[in-house]
């Protein structure tokens, strides 16, 4: 019995970074275990079934065992404080195997297909360390897309990136959370003034044209059209007599008449391309497999 106890203690001591405490559930075609606002179809069913189903209250999901138990506890407290201060949800995830196409897809799907996000727009962000692709990635949802512009995302990653090379994963998350908290206490960036987040989190840029410019342009066009019509009318009245075009012998055209030919040139119109992202330094965003909008960004290490 003594040998069994010693062996168990030794096993626990040499576990890499402690025990993972994440609880997962089994998704099936009979029960996808997704939030009520998520529609599962043939287009995203595979993505749903390949996304871990978790208890959304845990907030820390250390699948790669990069954190000790005490580090998880400290991070959980920081996450709860952030949520209380910011009104955004926050999720921390680590993985050592990525069964999806990219860190971005994993982060978006993990957020969407579990019960994360505050309000109907599901406001929040997810911080992921993907050891399979050696990438740190942040996914934003709802109003967090508007709060965390591309520049702010880069600065949040900058805050923790230096710790990744030394394997200090707790310090990386800790620094990124602190930087995210700093921005959550600021106003929305001015670069996102035209970014609209719908009731259910769909993002779109709205272009506003100054009304004075519209009035000036309309008046200018009206004036030009009026001048053209005026001179055209005068020209018709002045030349309504056929003798203007025919000489006395009715055979020759007057020297004052000139025939002008026409020539049409066709120019190919360039195809426009857009990722649906930002303009003027705002937030880039895209649609995930669920059809929801997400912002964010990442960096390899």
C-alpha atoms as a PDB file:
ATOM      1  CA  UNK A   1       0.000   0.000   0.000  1.00  0.00           C
ATOM      2  CA  UNK A   2       2.863   2.341   0.850  1.00  0.00           C
ATOM      3  CA  UNK A   3       4.416   1.770  -2.584  1.00  0.00           C
ATOM      4  CA  UNK A   4       1.111   2.608  -4.291  1.00  0.00           C
ATOM      5  CA  UNK A   5       0.806   5.899  -2.402  1.00  0.00           C
ATOM      6  CA  UNK A   6       4.424   6.850  -3.222  1.00  0.00           C
ATOM      7  CA  UNK A   7       3.871   6.012  -6.900  1.00  0.00           C
ATOM      8  CA  UNK A   8       0.710   8.145  -7.004  1.00  0.00           C
ATOM      9  CA  UNK A   9       2.454  11.130  -5.397  1.00  0.00           C
ATOM     10  CA  UNK A  10       5.364  10.808  -7.842  1.00  0.00           C
ATOM     11  CA  UNK A  11       2.972  10.705 -10.783  1.00  0.00           C
ATOM     12  CA  UNK A  12       1.211  13.850  -9.608  1.00  0.00           C
ATOM     13  CA  UNK A  13       4.466  15.722  -9.021  1.00  0.00           C
ATOM     14  CA  UNK A  14       5.759  15.024 -12.500  1.00  0.00           C
ATOM     15  CA  UNK A  15       2.611  15.911 -14.375  1.00  0.00           C
ATOM     16  CA  UNK A  16       3.399  18.762 -16.813  1.00  0.00           C
ATOM     17  CA  UNK A  17       2.115  21.951 -15.188  1.00  0.00           C
ATOM     18  CA  UNK A  18      -0.542  20.321 -13.052  1.00  0.00           C
ATOM     19  CA  UNK A  19      -3.952  18.762 -13.714  1.00  0.00           C
ATOM     20  CA  UNK A  20      -6.388  20.069 -16.295  1.00  0.00           C
ATOM     21  CA  UNK A  21      -9.763  20.808 -14.754  1.00  0.00           C
ATOM     22  CA  UNK A  22     -11.780  21.461 -17.915  1.00  0.00           C
ATOM     23  CA  UNK A  23     -15.073  19.604 -18.110  1.00  0.00           C
ATOM     24  CA  UNK A  24     -16.184  18.604 -21.606  1.00  0.00           C
ATOM     25  CA  UNK A  25     -19.427  17.132 -22.915  1.00  0.00           C
ATOM     26  CA  UNK A  26     -20.174  14.913 -25.892  1.00  0.00           C
ATOM     27  CA  UNK A  27     -21.821  16.555 -28.896  1.00  0.00           C
ATOM     28  CA  UNK A  28     -23.953  14.308 -31.107  1.00  0.00           C
ATOM     29  CA  UNK A  29     -26.220  14.741 -34.114  1.00  0.00           C
ATOM     30  CA  UNK A  30     -29.122  14.224 -31.744  1.00  0.00           C
ATOM     31  CA  UNK A  31     -27.868  16.926 -29.383  1.00  0.00           C
ATOM     32  CA  UNK A  32     -25.447  19.496 -30.782  1.00  0.00           C
ATOM     33  CA  UNK A  33     -25.207  21.320 -27.433  1.00  0.00           C
ATOM     34  CA  UNK A  34     -25.096  24.759 -29.060  1.00  0.00           C
ATOM     35  CA  UNK A  35     -26.724  28.016 -27.876  1.00  0.00           C
ATOM     36  CA  UNK A  36     -30.301  28.590 -28.993  1.00  0.00           C
ATOM     37  CA  UNK A  37     -29.315  31.364 -31.432  1.00  0.00           C
ATOM     38  CA  UNK A  38     -27.005  29.043 -33.405  1.00  0.00           C
ATOM     39  CA  UNK A  39     -28.447  27.212 -36.397  1.00  0.00           C
ATOM     40  CA  UNK A  40     -26.787  23.920 -37.335  1.00  0.00           C
ATOM     41  CA  UNK A  41     -26.916  22.906 -41.000  1.00  0.00           C
ATOM     42  CA  UNK A  42     -24.942  20.770 -43.415  1.00  0.00           C
ATOM     43  CA  UNK A  43     -22.615  23.720 -43.900  1.00  0.00           C
ATOM     44  CA  UNK A  44     -21.407  23.917 -40.297  1.00  0.00           C
ATOM     45  CA  UNK A  45     -22.382  20.562 -38.736  1.00  0.00           C
ATOM     46  CA  UNK A  46     -18.830  19.210 -38.965  1.00  0.00           C
ATOM     47  CA  UNK A  47     -17.440  22.366 -37.338  1.00  0.00           C
ATOM     48  CA  UNK A  48     -19.931  22.007 -34.484  1.00  0.00           C
ATOM     49  CA  UNK A  49     -19.195  18.314 -33.844  1.00  0.00           C
ATOM     50  CA  UNK A  50     -15.427  18.998 -33.867  1.00  0.00           C
ATOM     51  CA  UNK A  51     -15.656  21.783 -31.285  1.00  0.00           C
ATOM     52  CA  UNK A  52     -15.376  20.818 -27.591  1.00  0.00           C
ATOM     53  CA  UNK A  53     -18.554  21.424 -25.601  1.00  0.00           C
ATOM     54  CA  UNK A  54     -17.687  22.977 -22.259  1.00  0.00           C
ATOM     55  CA  UNK A  55     -19.184  24.574 -19.174  1.00  0.00           C
ATOM     56  CA  UNK A  56     -19.171  28.273 -20.048  1.00  0.00           C
ATOM     57  CA  UNK A  57     -18.768  29.262 -16.390  1.00  0.00           C
ATOM     58  CA  UNK A  58     -15.231  27.854 -16.105  1.00  0.00           C
ATOM     59  CA  UNK A  59     -13.674  30.484 -18.434  1.00  0.00           C
ATOM     60  CA  UNK A  60     -10.202  28.794 -18.367  1.00  0.00           C
ATOM     61  CA  UNK A  61      -9.758  25.823 -20.742  1.00  0.00           C
ATOM     62  CA  UNK A  62      -6.166  24.628 -20.537  1.00  0.00           C
ATOM     63  CA  UNK A  63      -6.331  21.647 -22.910  1.00  0.00           C
ATOM     64  CA  UNK A  64      -2.568  21.883 -23.564  1.00  0.00           C
ATOM     65  CA  UNK A  65      -1.699  21.832 -19.829  1.00  0.00           C
ATOM     66  CA  UNK A  66       0.380  24.978 -20.077  1.00  0.00           C
ATOM     67  CA  UNK A  67      -0.762  26.330 -16.707  1.00  0.00           C
ATOM     68  CA  UNK A  68      -0.409  25.074 -13.157  1.00  0.00           C
ATOM     69  CA  UNK A  69      -3.498  24.746 -11.005  1.00  0.00           C
ATOM     70  CA  UNK A  70      -2.541  27.858  -9.031  1.00  0.00           C
ATOM     71  CA  UNK A  71      -2.009  29.807 -12.256  1.00  0.00           C
ATOM     72  CA  UNK A  72      -5.444  28.745 -13.496  1.00  0.00           C
ATOM     73  CA  UNK A  73      -6.983  29.947 -10.238  1.00  0.00           C
ATOM     74  CA  UNK A  74      -5.268  33.323 -10.491  1.00  0.00           C
ATOM     75  CA  UNK A  75      -6.253  33.726 -14.124  1.00  0.00           C
ATOM     76  CA  UNK A  76      -9.853  32.858 -13.302  1.00  0.00           C
ATOM     77  CA  UNK A  77      -9.966  35.642 -10.729  1.00  0.00           C
ATOM     78  CA  UNK A  78      -8.505  38.088 -13.270  1.00  0.00           C
ATOM     79  CA  UNK A  79     -11.043  37.014 -15.883  1.00  0.00           C
ATOM     80  CA  UNK A  80     -13.961  37.493 -13.480  1.00  0.00           C
ATOM     81  CA  UNK A  81     -12.651  40.948 -12.541  1.00  0.00           C
ATOM     82  CA  UNK A  82     -12.308  41.857 -16.217  1.00  0.00           C
ATOM     83  CA  UNK A  83     -15.877  40.732 -16.978  1.00  0.00           C
ATOM     84  CA  UNK A  84     -17.256  42.737 -14.054  1.00  0.00           C
ATOM     85  CA  UNK A  85     -15.333  45.871 -15.060  1.00  0.00           C
ATOM     86  CA  UNK A  86     -15.845  45.748 -18.816  1.00  0.00           C
ATOM     87  CA  UNK A  87     -19.236  44.104 -19.482  1.00  0.00           C
ATOM     88  CA  UNK A  88     -17.460  41.884 -22.011  1.00  0.00           C
ATOM     89  CA  UNK A  89     -17.080  38.128 -21.638  1.00  0.00           C
ATOM     90  CA  UNK A  90     -13.535  36.715 -21.603  1.00  0.00           C
ATOM     91  CA  UNK A  91     -12.414  33.160 -22.410  1.00  0.00           C
ATOM     92  CA  UNK A  92      -8.900  31.676 -22.068  1.00  0.00           C
ATOM     93  CA  UNK A  93      -8.013  28.587 -24.152  1.00  0.00           C
ATOM     94  CA  UNK A  94      -4.842  26.569 -24.798  1.00  0.00           C
ATOM     95  CA  UNK A  95      -4.589  23.629 -27.222  1.00  0.00           C
ATOM     96  CA  UNK A  96      -1.794  21.308 -28.323  1.00  0.00           C
ATOM     97  CA  UNK A  97      -3.761  19.889 -31.268  1.00  0.00           C
ATOM     98  CA  UNK A  98      -5.853  21.931 -33.685  1.00  0.00           C
ATOM     99  CA  UNK A  99      -8.398  19.884 -35.635  1.00  0.00           C
ATOM    100  CA  UNK A 100      -9.523  22.912 -37.618  1.00  0.00           C
ATOM    101  CA  UNK A 101      -7.981  24.877 -40.449  1.00  0.00           C
ATOM    102  CA  UNK A 102      -6.458  27.668 -38.357  1.00  0.00           C
ATOM    103  CA  UNK A 103      -6.225  29.250 -34.925  1.00  0.00           C
ATOM    104  CA  UNK A 104      -8.811  31.790 -36.062  1.00  0.00           C
ATOM    105  CA  UNK A 105     -11.356  29.084 -36.928  1.00  0.00           C
ATOM    106  CA  UNK A 106     -10.765  27.254 -33.648  1.00  0.00           C
ATOM    107  CA  UNK A 107     -11.165  30.426 -31.590  1.00  0.00           C
ATOM    108  CA  UNK A 108     -14.312  31.568 -33.435  1.00  0.00           C
ATOM    109  CA  UNK A 109     -15.979  28.147 -33.265  1.00  0.00           C
ATOM    110  CA  UNK A 110     -15.112  27.620 -29.604  1.00  0.00           C
ATOM    111  CA  UNK A 111     -16.724  30.948 -28.743  1.00  0.00           C
ATOM    112  CA  UNK A 112     -19.798  30.503 -30.963  1.00  0.00           C
ATOM    113  CA  UNK A 113     -20.695  26.890 -30.229  1.00  0.00           C
ATOM    114  CA  UNK A 114     -20.438  27.288 -26.462  1.00  0.00           C
ATOM    115  CA  UNK A 115     -22.528  29.638 -24.364  1.00  0.00           C
ATOM    116  CA  UNK A 116     -20.146  32.608 -24.312  1.00  0.00           C
ATOM    117  CA  UNK A 117     -20.844  36.295 -24.776  1.00  0.00           C
ATOM    118  CA  UNK A 118     -22.919  38.916 -22.977  1.00  0.00           C
ATOM    119  CA  UNK A 119     -26.269  40.222 -24.271  1.00  0.00           C
ATOM    120  CA  UNK A 120     -27.954  39.102 -27.499  1.00  0.00           C
ATOM    121  CA  UNK A 121     -24.978  40.460 -29.455  1.00  0.00           C
ATOM    122  CA  UNK A 122     -22.741  38.069 -27.475  1.00  0.00           C
ATOM    123  CA  UNK A 123     -20.137  40.675 -26.559  1.00  0.00           C
ATOM    124  CA  UNK A 124     -16.778  39.236 -25.586  1.00  0.00           C
ATOM    125  CA  UNK A 125     -13.343  38.024 -26.602  1.00  0.00           C
ATOM    126  CA  UNK A 126     -11.344  34.804 -26.532  1.00  0.00           C
ATOM    127  CA  UNK A 127      -7.574  34.500 -26.066  1.00  0.00           C
ATOM    128  CA  UNK A 128      -6.050  31.348 -27.548  1.00  0.00           C
ATOM    129  CA  UNK A 129      -2.559  29.855 -27.432  1.00  0.00           C
ATOM    130  CA  UNK A 130      -2.382  27.253 -30.210  1.00  0.00           C
ATOM    131  CA  UNK A 131       0.725  25.112 -29.655  1.00  0.00           C
ATOM    132  CA  UNK A 132      -0.018  23.045 -32.774  1.00  0.00           C
ATOM    133  CA  UNK A 133       0.335  26.084 -35.059  1.00  0.00           C
ATOM    134  CA  UNK A 134       2.565  28.000 -32.613  1.00  0.00           C
ATOM    135  CA  UNK A 135       0.217  30.964 -32.708  1.00  0.00           C
ATOM    136  CA  UNK A 136      -1.418  33.296 -30.223  1.00  0.00           C
ATOM    137  CA  UNK A 137      -4.816  34.487 -31.415  1.00  0.00           C
ATOM    138  CA  UNK A 138      -7.569  36.788 -30.132  1.00  0.00           C
ATOM    139  CA  UNK A 139     -11.158  36.508 -31.385  1.00  0.00           C
ATOM    140  CA  UNK A 140     -13.676  39.283 -30.686  1.00  0.00           C
ATOM    141  CA  UNK A 141     -17.473  39.137 -30.856  1.00  0.00           C
ATOM    142  CA  UNK A 142     -20.338  41.642 -30.653  1.00  0.00           C
ATOM    143  CA  UNK A 143     -19.486  45.056 -29.220  1.00  0.00           C
ATOM    144  CA  UNK A 144     -15.947  43.798 -28.501  1.00  0.00           C
ATOM    145  CA  UNK A 145     -15.336  43.973 -32.272  1.00  0.00           C
ATOM    146  CA  UNK A 146     -15.944  47.709 -32.064  1.00  0.00           C
ATOM    147  CA  UNK A 147     -13.978  48.215 -28.840  1.00  0.00           C
ATOM    148  CA  UNK A 148     -10.891  46.288 -29.959  1.00  0.00           C
ATOM    149  CA  UNK A 149      -9.708  47.681 -33.287  1.00  0.00           C
ATOM    150  CA  UNK A 150      -6.887  46.023 -35.222  1.00  0.00           C
ATOM    151  CA  UNK A 151      -4.383  48.383 -33.610  1.00  0.00           C
ATOM    152  CA  UNK A 152      -5.639  47.570 -30.118  1.00  0.00           C
ATOM    153  CA  UNK A 153      -5.536  43.831 -30.850  1.00  0.00           C
ATOM    154  CA  UNK A 154      -1.900  44.179 -31.941  1.00  0.00           C
ATOM    155  CA  UNK A 155      -1.070  46.077 -28.762  1.00  0.00           C
ATOM    156  CA  UNK A 156      -2.740  43.449 -26.583  1.00  0.00           C
ATOM    157  CA  UNK A 157      -0.708  40.707 -28.269  1.00  0.00           C
ATOM    158  CA  UNK A 158       2.440  42.838 -27.942  1.00  0.00           C
ATOM    159  CA  UNK A 159       1.873  43.007 -24.183  1.00  0.00           C
ATOM    160  CA  UNK A 160       2.150  39.238 -23.755  1.00  0.00           C
ATOM    161  CA  UNK A 161       4.109  38.076 -26.778  1.00  0.00           C
ATOM    162  CA  UNK A 162       7.558  38.362 -25.222  1.00  0.00           C
ATOM    163  CA  UNK A 163       6.711  35.712 -22.612  1.00  0.00           C
ATOM    164  CA  UNK A 164       5.852  32.997 -25.141  1.00  0.00           C
ATOM    165  CA  UNK A 165       9.433  32.285 -26.169  1.00  0.00           C
ATOM    166  CA  UNK A 166      10.338  31.507 -22.555  1.00  0.00           C
ATOM    167  CA  UNK A 167       7.275  29.348 -21.963  1.00  0.00           C
ATOM    168  CA  UNK A 168       5.795  31.810 -19.465  1.00  0.00           C
ATOM    169  CA  UNK A 169       2.213  31.255 -20.542  1.00  0.00           C
ATOM    170  CA  UNK A 170       0.577  32.572 -17.384  1.00  0.00           C
ATOM    171  CA  UNK A 171       2.522  35.835 -17.714  1.00  0.00           C
ATOM    172  CA  UNK A 172       1.461  36.072 -21.355  1.00  0.00           C
ATOM    173  CA  UNK A 173      -2.240  35.789 -20.510  1.00  0.00           C
ATOM    174  CA  UNK A 174      -1.879  38.019 -17.466  1.00  0.00           C
ATOM    175  CA  UNK A 175      -0.306  40.821 -19.515  1.00  0.00           C
ATOM    176  CA  UNK A 176      -2.833  40.521 -22.341  1.00  0.00           C
ATOM    177  CA  UNK A 177      -5.750  40.641 -19.902  1.00  0.00           C
ATOM    178  CA  UNK A 178      -4.333  43.781 -18.273  1.00  0.00           C
ATOM    179  CA  UNK A 179      -3.959  45.473 -21.662  1.00  0.00           C
ATOM    180  CA  UNK A 180      -7.485  44.427 -22.669  1.00  0.00           C
ATOM    181  CA  UNK A 181      -8.807  45.855 -19.386  1.00  0.00           C
ATOM    182  CA  UNK A 182      -7.021  49.150 -20.083  1.00  0.00           C
ATOM    183  CA  UNK A 183      -8.780  49.513 -23.450  1.00  0.00           C
ATOM    184  CA  UNK A 184     -12.154  48.458 -22.052  1.00  0.00           C
ATOM    185  CA  UNK A 185     -12.022  51.545 -19.830  1.00  0.00           C
ATOM    186  CA  UNK A 186     -11.466  53.807 -22.848  1.00  0.00           C
ATOM    187  CA  UNK A 187     -13.946  55.144 -25.387  1.00  0.00           C
ATOM    188  CA  UNK A 188     -14.567  53.215 -28.577  1.00  0.00           C
ATOM    189  CA  UNK A 189     -11.754  54.095 -31.025  1.00  0.00           C
ATOM    190  CA  UNK A 190     -12.667  56.940 -33.379  1.00  0.00           C
ATOM    191  CA  UNK A 191     -11.631  54.756 -36.323  1.00  0.00           C
ATOM    192  CA  UNK A 192     -14.747  52.675 -35.586  1.00  0.00           C
ATOM    193  CA  UNK A 193     -17.232  55.554 -35.532  1.00  0.00           C
ATOM    194  CA  UNK A 194     -18.902  54.153 -38.652  1.00  0.00           C
ATOM    195  CA  UNK A 195     -18.870  50.530 -37.438  1.00  0.00           C
ATOM    196  CA  UNK A 196     -22.326  49.274 -36.553  1.00  0.00           C
ATOM    197  CA  UNK A 197     -22.919  46.178 -34.400  1.00  0.00           C
ATOM    198  CA  UNK A 198     -26.427  44.797 -34.867  1.00  0.00           C
ATOM    199  CA  UNK A 199     -28.681  43.379 -32.178  1.00  0.00           C
ATOM    200  CA  UNK A 200     -27.326  39.882 -32.755  1.00  0.00           C
ATOM    201  CA  UNK A 201     -23.712  40.873 -33.218  1.00  0.00           C
ATOM    202  CA  UNK A 202     -23.499  41.284 -36.992  1.00  0.00           C
ATOM    203  CA  UNK A 203     -20.921  43.920 -37.932  1.00  0.00           C
ATOM    204  CA  UNK A 204     -21.116  46.363 -40.835  1.00  0.00           C
ATOM    205  CA  UNK A 205     -19.586  49.685 -41.814  1.00  0.00           C
ATOM    206  CA  UNK A 206     -22.027  52.529 -42.455  1.00  0.00           C
ATOM    207  CA  UNK A 207     -20.869  55.390 -44.685  1.00  0.00           C
ATOM    208  CA  UNK A 208     -22.280  58.835 -43.870  1.00  0.00           C
ATOM    209  CA  UNK A 209     -22.143  61.622 -46.472  1.00  0.00           C
ATOM    210  CA  UNK A 210     -22.251  65.160 -44.971  1.00  0.00           C
ATOM    211  CA  UNK A 211     -25.644  66.729 -45.764  1.00  0.00           C
ATOM    212  CA  UNK A 212     -24.045  70.080 -46.703  1.00  0.00           C
ATOM    213  CA  UNK A 213     -21.977  68.315 -49.347  1.00  0.00           C
ATOM    214  CA  UNK A 214     -25.116  66.643 -50.699  1.00  0.00           C
ATOM    215  CA  UNK A 215     -26.932  69.995 -50.906  1.00  0.00           C
ATOM    216  CA  UNK A 216     -23.974  71.699 -52.619  1.00  0.00           C
ATOM    217  CA  UNK A 217     -23.495  68.874 -55.131  1.00  0.00           C
ATOM    218  CA  UNK A 218     -27.222  68.728 -55.941  1.00  0.00           C
ATOM    219  CA  UNK A 219     -27.340  72.485 -56.482  1.00  0.00           C
ATOM    220  CA  UNK A 220     -24.247  72.412 -58.680  1.00  0.00           C
ATOM    221  CA  UNK A 221     -25.629  69.615 -60.884  1.00  0.00           C
ATOM    222  CA  UNK A 222     -28.977  71.423 -61.181  1.00  0.00           C
ATOM    223  CA  UNK A 223     -27.214  74.622 -62.265  1.00  0.00           C
ATOM    224  CA  UNK A 224     -25.150  72.823 -64.933  1.00  0.00           C
ATOM    225  CA  UNK A 225     -28.199  71.012 -66.325  1.00  0.00           C
ATOM    226  CA  UNK A 226     -30.149  74.294 -66.434  1.00  0.00           C
ATOM    227  CA  UNK A 227     -27.385  76.031 -68.435  1.00  0.00           C
ATOM    228  CA  UNK A 228     -27.145  73.133 -70.880  1.00  0.00           C
ATOM    229  CA  UNK A 229     -30.895  73.067 -71.484  1.00  0.00           C
ATOM    230  CA  UNK A 230     -30.991  76.859 -71.874  1.00  0.00           C
ATOM    231  CA  UNK A 231     -28.286  77.040 -74.558  1.00  0.00           C
ATOM    232  CA  UNK A 232     -29.638  73.977 -76.311  1.00  0.00           C
ATOM    233  CA  UNK A 233     -33.075  75.595 -76.554  1.00  0.00           C
ATOM    234  CA  UNK A 234     -31.598  78.823 -77.971  1.00  0.00           C
ATOM    235  CA  UNK A 235     -29.667  76.841 -80.560  1.00  0.00           C
ATOM    236  CA  UNK A 236     -32.798  75.075 -81.785  1.00  0.00           C
ATOM    237  CA  UNK A 237     -34.727  78.333 -82.113  1.00  0.00           C
ATOM    238  CA  UNK A 238     -31.927  80.105 -84.017  1.00  0.00           C
ATOM    239  CA  UNK A 239     -31.470  77.351 -86.579  1.00  0.00           C
ATOM    240  CA  UNK A 240     -35.068  76.302 -87.150  1.00  0.00           C
ATOM    241  CA  UNK A 241     -35.010  77.764 -90.760  1.00  0.00           C
ATOM    242  CA  UNK A 242     -33.791  75.179 -93.308  1.00  0.00           C
ATOM    243  CA  UNK A 243     -32.185  77.925 -95.416  1.00  0.00           C
ATOM    244  CA  UNK A 244     -29.466  78.051 -92.760  1.00  0.00           C
ATOM    245  CA  UNK A 245     -28.151  74.752 -94.075  1.00  0.00           C
ATOM    246  CA  UNK A 246     -28.800  75.094 -97.839  1.00  0.00           C
ATOM    247  CA  UNK A 247     -27.344  77.720-100.215  1.00  0.00           C
ATOM    248  CA  UNK A 248     -29.211  79.570-102.880  1.00  0.00           C
ATOM    249  CA  UNK A 249     -28.949  76.696-105.410  1.00  0.00           C
ATOM    250  CA  UNK A 250     -30.141  74.170-102.761  1.00  0.00           C
ATOM    251  CA  UNK A 251     -27.197  71.919-103.692  1.00  0.00           C
ATOM    252  CA  UNK A 252     -24.216  72.904-101.578  1.00  0.00           C
ATOM    253  CA  UNK A 253     -23.669  72.895 -97.859  1.00  0.00           C
ATOM    254  CA  UNK A 254     -22.611  76.202 -96.370  1.00  0.00           C
ATOM    255  CA  UNK A 255     -19.027  76.689 -95.307  1.00  0.00           C
ATOM    256  CA  UNK A 256     -20.248  77.268 -91.775  1.00  0.00           C
ATOM    257  CA  UNK A 257     -21.549  73.720 -91.333  1.00  0.00           C
ATOM    258  CA  UNK A 258     -19.275  71.051 -89.921  1.00  0.00           C
ATOM    259  CA  UNK A 259     -20.103  67.372 -89.512  1.00  0.00           C
ATOM    260  CA  UNK A 260     -18.543  65.777 -86.478  1.00  0.00           C
ATOM    261  CA  UNK A 261     -18.122  61.989 -86.309  1.00  0.00           C
ATOM    262  CA  UNK A 262     -18.379  59.969 -83.152  1.00  0.00           C
ATOM    263  CA  UNK A 263     -16.037  57.414 -81.669  1.00  0.00           C
ATOM    264  CA  UNK A 264     -16.827  55.192 -78.700  1.00  0.00           C
ATOM    265  CA  UNK A 265     -14.101  53.834 -76.458  1.00  0.00           C
ATOM    266  CA  UNK A 266     -14.802  50.936 -74.091  1.00  0.00           C
ATOM    267  CA  UNK A 267     -12.815  50.693 -70.861  1.00  0.00           C
ATOM    268  CA  UNK A 268     -12.879  47.538 -68.744  1.00  0.00           C
ATOM    269  CA  UNK A 269     -14.022  48.151 -65.156  1.00  0.00           C
ATOM    270  CA  UNK A 270     -11.737  46.745 -62.487  1.00  0.00           C
ATOM    271  CA  UNK A 271     -13.201  44.147 -60.132  1.00  0.00           C
ATOM    272  CA  UNK A 272     -13.389  45.315 -56.544  1.00  0.00           C
ATOM    273  CA  UNK A 273     -12.145  43.076 -53.780  1.00  0.00           C
ATOM    274  CA  UNK A 274     -12.866  43.367 -50.073  1.00  0.00           C
ATOM    275  CA  UNK A 275     -12.614  41.130 -47.041  1.00  0.00           C
ATOM    276  CA  UNK A 276     -15.475  42.988 -45.418  1.00  0.00           C
ATOM    277  CA  UNK A 277     -12.993  44.463 -43.012  1.00  0.00           C
ATOM    278  CA  UNK A 278     -11.916  47.775 -41.694  1.00  0.00           C
ATOM    279  CA  UNK A 279     -11.436  51.165 -43.275  1.00  0.00           C
ATOM    280  CA  UNK A 280      -9.127  53.833 -41.948  1.00  0.00           C
ATOM    281  CA  UNK A 281      -7.524  51.758 -39.217  1.00  0.00           C
ATOM    282  CA  UNK A 282     -10.680  50.354 -37.635  1.00  0.00           C
ATOM    283  CA  UNK A 283     -11.610  46.740 -36.951  1.00  0.00           C
ATOM    284  CA  UNK A 284     -11.309  44.008 -39.545  1.00  0.00           C
ATOM    285  CA  UNK A 285     -14.011  41.379 -39.280  1.00  0.00           C
ATOM    286  CA  UNK A 286     -15.210  38.220 -40.997  1.00  0.00           C
ATOM    287  CA  UNK A 287     -17.956  35.600 -40.767  1.00  0.00           C
ATOM    288  CA  UNK A 288     -17.249  32.372 -38.892  1.00  0.00           C
ATOM    289  CA  UNK A 289     -18.667  28.940 -39.740  1.00  0.00           C
ATOM    290  CA  UNK A 290     -21.751  29.820 -37.683  1.00  0.00           C
ATOM    291  CA  UNK A 291     -22.383  32.921 -39.802  1.00  0.00           C
ATOM    292  CA  UNK A 292     -21.639  35.289 -36.915  1.00  0.00           C
ATOM    293  CA  UNK A 293     -19.246  38.243 -37.200  1.00  0.00           C
ATOM    294  CA  UNK A 294     -15.843  38.117 -35.524  1.00  0.00           C
ATOM    295  CA  UNK A 295     -12.896  40.465 -35.337  1.00  0.00           C
ATOM    296  CA  UNK A 296      -9.458  39.799 -33.933  1.00  0.00           C
ATOM    297  CA  UNK A 297      -5.964  38.880 -34.994  1.00  0.00           C
ATOM    298  CA  UNK A 298      -3.016  36.650 -34.207  1.00  0.00           C
ATOM    299  CA  UNK A 299       0.725  36.133 -34.436  1.00  0.00           C
ATOM    300  CA  UNK A 300       3.021  33.125 -34.766  1.00  0.00           C
ATOM    301  CA  UNK A 301       5.769  32.538 -32.217  1.00  0.00           C
END
